[in-house]
Amino acid sequence: MTIIIQIKVTPNASKNQLIGYQEGVLRVRIRGVPEKGRVNEELIEFLADILGIAKSQIEILSGHTSRLKRLKIEGISQFPSIARE
């Protein structure tokens, strides 16, 4: 199965972290700096690790240079629930 999800990324975080859902958008903090696609690479690597899937199963559909991104994730039917830290 494939899902499309909207994600709002906050770069330059102290650690990679899922924050939670807010108004249908998943909020994520990523350590990478927003230059030359580093945040996008780190976001894909972080999500693939959390979901236990290959990085190739995650594709950024829109928002490559924006904080608000639309991602296509293959191999899962829904995003797992998120427990706040």
N, C-alpha and C. Protein backbone atom coordinates (compact mmCIF):
# COMPACT_ATOMS: atom_id res chain seq x y z
N MET A 1 0.83 -1.18 0.00
CA MET A 1 0.00 0.00 0.00
C MET A 1 0.88 1.25 0.00
N THR A 2 0.28 2.33 -0.38
CA THR A 2 0.99 3.60 -0.45
C THR A 2 0.17 4.67 0.25
N ILE A 3 0.86 5.55 0.98
CA ILE A 3 0.17 6.68 1.58
C ILE A 3 0.85 7.97 1.13
N ILE A 4 0.07 9.04 1.11
CA ILE A 4 0.59 10.38 0.85
C ILE A 4 0.40 11.14 2.16
N ILE A 5 1.43 11.79 2.63
CA ILE A 5 1.37 12.49 3.91
C ILE A 5 2.01 13.87 3.78
N GLN A 6 1.44 14.84 4.48
CA GLN A 6 2.05 16.17 4.53
C GLN A 6 2.89 16.26 5.79
N ILE A 7 4.08 16.82 5.63
CA ILE A 7 5.01 16.94 6.75
C ILE A 7 5.54 18.36 6.80
N LYS A 8 5.59 18.92 8.01
CA LYS A 8 6.22 20.22 8.21
C LYS A 8 7.53 19.97 8.94
N VAL A 9 8.62 20.38 8.31
CA VAL A 9 9.96 20.12 8.82
C VAL A 9 10.53 21.38 9.48
N THR A 10 11.09 21.20 10.65
CA THR A 10 11.84 22.26 11.31
C THR A 10 13.31 21.85 11.29
N PRO A 11 14.14 22.55 10.50
CA PRO A 11 15.56 22.19 10.41
C PRO A 11 16.37 22.73 11.58
N ASN A 12 17.64 22.37 11.63
CA ASN A 12 18.59 22.83 12.65
C ASN A 12 18.18 22.44 14.06
N ALA A 13 17.51 21.32 14.22
CA ALA A 13 17.10 20.85 15.54
C ALA A 13 18.28 20.19 16.25
N SER A 14 18.17 20.05 17.56
CA SER A 14 19.24 19.41 18.32
C SER A 14 19.26 17.90 18.08
N LYS A 15 18.08 17.34 17.72
CA LYS A 15 18.02 15.92 17.37
C LYS A 15 16.83 15.69 16.44
N ASN A 16 16.88 14.59 15.69
CA ASN A 16 15.76 14.22 14.83
C ASN A 16 14.64 13.71 15.72
N GLN A 17 13.42 14.23 15.47
CA GLN A 17 12.33 13.92 16.38
C GLN A 17 10.98 14.12 15.71
N LEU A 18 10.06 13.16 15.93
CA LEU A 18 8.67 13.33 15.53
C LEU A 18 7.98 14.12 16.63
N ILE A 19 7.28 15.19 16.26
CA ILE A 19 6.60 16.03 17.24
C ILE A 19 5.15 15.61 17.40
N GLY A 20 4.46 15.37 16.30
CA GLY A 20 3.07 14.94 16.35
C GLY A 20 2.29 15.53 15.20
N TYR A 21 0.99 15.20 15.16
CA TYR A 21 0.10 15.72 14.13
C TYR A 21 -0.54 17.01 14.61
N GLN A 22 -0.65 17.96 13.70
CA GLN A 22 -1.33 19.22 13.99
C GLN A 22 -2.06 19.63 12.72
N GLU A 23 -3.39 19.64 12.78
CA GLU A 23 -4.23 20.01 11.64
C GLU A 23 -3.92 19.18 10.40
N GLY A 24 -3.73 17.87 10.58
CA GLY A 24 -3.50 16.97 9.47
C GLY A 24 -2.10 16.97 8.90
N VAL A 25 -1.18 17.65 9.57
CA VAL A 25 0.21 17.73 9.11
C VAL A 25 1.11 17.14 10.19
N LEU A 26 1.99 16.24 9.79
CA LEU A 26 2.95 15.65 10.72
C LEU A 26 4.10 16.63 10.90
N ARG A 27 4.41 16.98 12.14
CA ARG A 27 5.53 17.89 12.43
C ARG A 27 6.75 17.08 12.83
N VAL A 28 7.89 17.41 12.19
CA VAL A 28 9.14 16.69 12.40
C VAL A 28 10.27 17.69 12.58
N ARG A 29 11.15 17.42 13.53
CA ARG A 29 12.37 18.22 13.69
C ARG A 29 13.54 17.40 13.14
N ILE A 30 14.38 18.07 12.33
CA ILE A 30 15.51 17.40 11.69
C ILE A 30 16.79 18.19 11.98
N ARG A 31 17.87 17.47 12.27
CA ARG A 31 19.14 18.11 12.60
C ARG A 31 19.80 18.81 11.43
N GLY A 32 19.56 18.38 10.23
CA GLY A 32 20.27 18.90 9.07
C GLY A 32 20.07 20.38 8.82
N VAL A 33 21.01 20.95 8.08
CA VAL A 33 20.91 22.36 7.69
C VAL A 33 20.20 22.46 6.35
N PRO A 34 19.40 23.50 6.16
CA PRO A 34 18.61 23.59 4.92
C PRO A 34 19.41 24.12 3.73
N GLU A 35 20.40 23.36 3.31
CA GLU A 35 21.13 23.73 2.10
C GLU A 35 21.54 22.46 1.36
N LYS A 36 21.48 22.53 0.05
CA LYS A 36 21.86 21.43 -0.84
C LYS A 36 21.12 20.13 -0.55
N GLY A 37 19.86 20.23 -0.09
CA GLY A 37 19.04 19.04 0.11
C GLY A 37 19.39 18.20 1.32
N ARG A 38 20.20 18.70 2.21
CA ARG A 38 20.62 17.91 3.37
C ARG A 38 19.45 17.57 4.29
N VAL A 39 18.54 18.51 4.48
CA VAL A 39 17.37 18.24 5.33
C VAL A 39 16.50 17.16 4.70
N ASN A 40 16.30 17.23 3.40
CA ASN A 40 15.49 16.22 2.71
C ASN A 40 16.11 14.83 2.86
N GLU A 41 17.41 14.73 2.68
CA GLU A 41 18.10 13.45 2.82
C GLU A 41 17.96 12.91 4.23
N GLU A 42 18.15 13.78 5.21
CA GLU A 42 18.05 13.35 6.59
C GLU A 42 16.62 12.98 6.97
N LEU A 43 15.66 13.71 6.44
CA LEU A 43 14.25 13.40 6.69
C LEU A 43 13.91 12.01 6.17
N ILE A 44 14.30 11.71 4.94
CA ILE A 44 14.02 10.41 4.34
C ILE A 44 14.71 9.29 5.14
N GLU A 45 15.95 9.51 5.51
CA GLU A 45 16.68 8.51 6.29
C GLU A 45 16.02 8.27 7.65
N PHE A 46 15.61 9.35 8.31
CA PHE A 46 14.97 9.28 9.62
C PHE A 46 13.64 8.52 9.54
N LEU A 47 12.80 8.88 8.58
CA LEU A 47 11.50 8.22 8.44
C LEU A 47 11.65 6.75 8.06
N ALA A 48 12.58 6.45 7.17
CA ALA A 48 12.81 5.06 6.76
C ALA A 48 13.23 4.22 7.96
N ASP A 49 14.07 4.78 8.81
CA ASP A 49 14.52 4.07 10.01
C ASP A 49 13.35 3.82 10.96
N ILE A 50 12.54 4.84 11.20
CA ILE A 50 11.38 4.70 12.10
C ILE A 50 10.38 3.68 11.57
N LEU A 51 10.12 3.72 10.27
CA LEU A 51 9.11 2.85 9.67
C LEU A 51 9.63 1.45 9.33
N GLY A 52 10.95 1.29 9.37
CA GLY A 52 11.54 -0.01 9.04
C GLY A 52 11.42 -0.36 7.57
N ILE A 53 11.54 0.65 6.71
CA ILE A 53 11.47 0.44 5.26
C ILE A 53 12.73 1.01 4.62
N ALA A 54 12.91 0.71 3.34
CA ALA A 54 14.06 1.23 2.60
C ALA A 54 13.84 2.71 2.25
N LYS A 55 14.92 3.45 2.18
CA LYS A 55 14.83 4.87 1.81
C LYS A 55 14.21 5.05 0.43
N SER A 56 14.40 4.08 -0.44
CA SER A 56 13.85 4.17 -1.79
C SER A 56 12.32 4.10 -1.82
N GLN A 57 11.69 3.72 -0.72
CA GLN A 57 10.24 3.65 -0.64
C GLN A 57 9.61 4.98 -0.26
N ILE A 58 10.44 5.98 -0.01
CA ILE A 58 9.96 7.31 0.36
C ILE A 58 10.36 8.30 -0.73
N GLU A 59 9.38 9.06 -1.21
CA GLU A 59 9.63 10.03 -2.28
C GLU A 59 9.00 11.36 -1.90
N ILE A 60 9.76 12.44 -2.07
CA ILE A 60 9.21 13.78 -1.85
C ILE A 60 8.50 14.20 -3.13
N LEU A 61 7.18 14.38 -3.04
CA LEU A 61 6.40 14.76 -4.20
C LEU A 61 6.43 16.26 -4.44
N SER A 62 6.39 17.05 -3.36
CA SER A 62 6.45 18.50 -3.49
C SER A 62 7.04 19.09 -2.23
N GLY A 63 7.56 20.31 -2.36
CA GLY A 63 8.13 21.00 -1.22
C GLY A 63 9.61 20.75 -1.01
N HIS A 64 10.33 20.46 -2.07
CA HIS A 64 11.77 20.17 -1.95
C HIS A 64 12.53 21.29 -1.26
N THR A 65 12.13 22.54 -1.48
CA THR A 65 12.83 23.68 -0.87
C THR A 65 11.97 24.39 0.16
N SER A 66 10.91 23.76 0.58
CA SER A 66 9.97 24.36 1.53
C SER A 66 9.96 23.54 2.82
N ARG A 67 9.49 24.15 3.90
CA ARG A 67 9.34 23.40 5.15
C ARG A 67 8.13 22.47 5.09
N LEU A 68 7.14 22.81 4.30
CA LEU A 68 5.95 21.98 4.14
C LEU A 68 6.15 21.07 2.93
N LYS A 69 6.14 19.77 3.16
CA LYS A 69 6.43 18.80 2.10
C LYS A 69 5.30 17.78 2.00
N ARG A 70 5.13 17.23 0.80
CA ARG A 70 4.22 16.11 0.58
C ARG A 70 5.07 14.91 0.21
N LEU A 71 4.91 13.83 0.97
CA LEU A 71 5.69 12.63 0.75
C LEU A 71 4.80 11.46 0.36
N LYS A 72 5.34 10.63 -0.51
CA LYS A 72 4.69 9.36 -0.85
C LYS A 72 5.52 8.27 -0.20
N ILE A 73 4.85 7.44 0.61
CA ILE A 73 5.54 6.37 1.31
C ILE A 73 4.91 5.05 0.87
N GLU A 74 5.72 4.18 0.29
CA GLU A 74 5.25 2.88 -0.19
C GLU A 74 5.55 1.81 0.84
N GLY A 75 4.69 0.80 0.88
CA GLY A 75 4.95 -0.34 1.75
C GLY A 75 4.28 -0.26 3.11
N ILE A 76 3.50 0.79 3.36
CA ILE A 76 2.73 0.88 4.61
C ILE A 76 1.32 1.34 4.27
N SER A 77 0.37 0.97 5.12
CA SER A 77 -1.01 1.35 4.85
C SER A 77 -1.43 2.57 5.67
N GLN A 78 -0.72 2.83 6.77
CA GLN A 78 -0.99 4.03 7.56
C GLN A 78 0.25 4.37 8.35
N PHE A 79 0.37 5.63 8.71
CA PHE A 79 1.51 6.06 9.50
C PHE A 79 1.27 5.63 10.93
N PRO A 80 2.28 5.08 11.62
CA PRO A 80 2.08 4.62 12.99
C PRO A 80 1.72 5.78 13.92
N SER A 81 1.01 5.47 15.02
CA SER A 81 0.68 6.52 15.97
C SER A 81 1.94 7.02 16.65
N ILE A 82 1.88 8.25 17.08
CA ILE A 82 3.05 8.92 17.63
C ILE A 82 2.81 9.21 19.11
N ALA A 83 3.73 8.76 19.92
CA ALA A 83 3.66 9.09 21.35
C ALA A 83 4.57 10.27 21.60
N ARG A 84 4.06 11.27 22.25
CA ARG A 84 4.87 12.46 22.57
C ARG A 84 5.84 12.13 23.68
N GLU A 85 7.03 12.70 23.57
CA GLU A 85 8.06 12.47 24.59
C GLU A 85 7.86 13.40 25.77
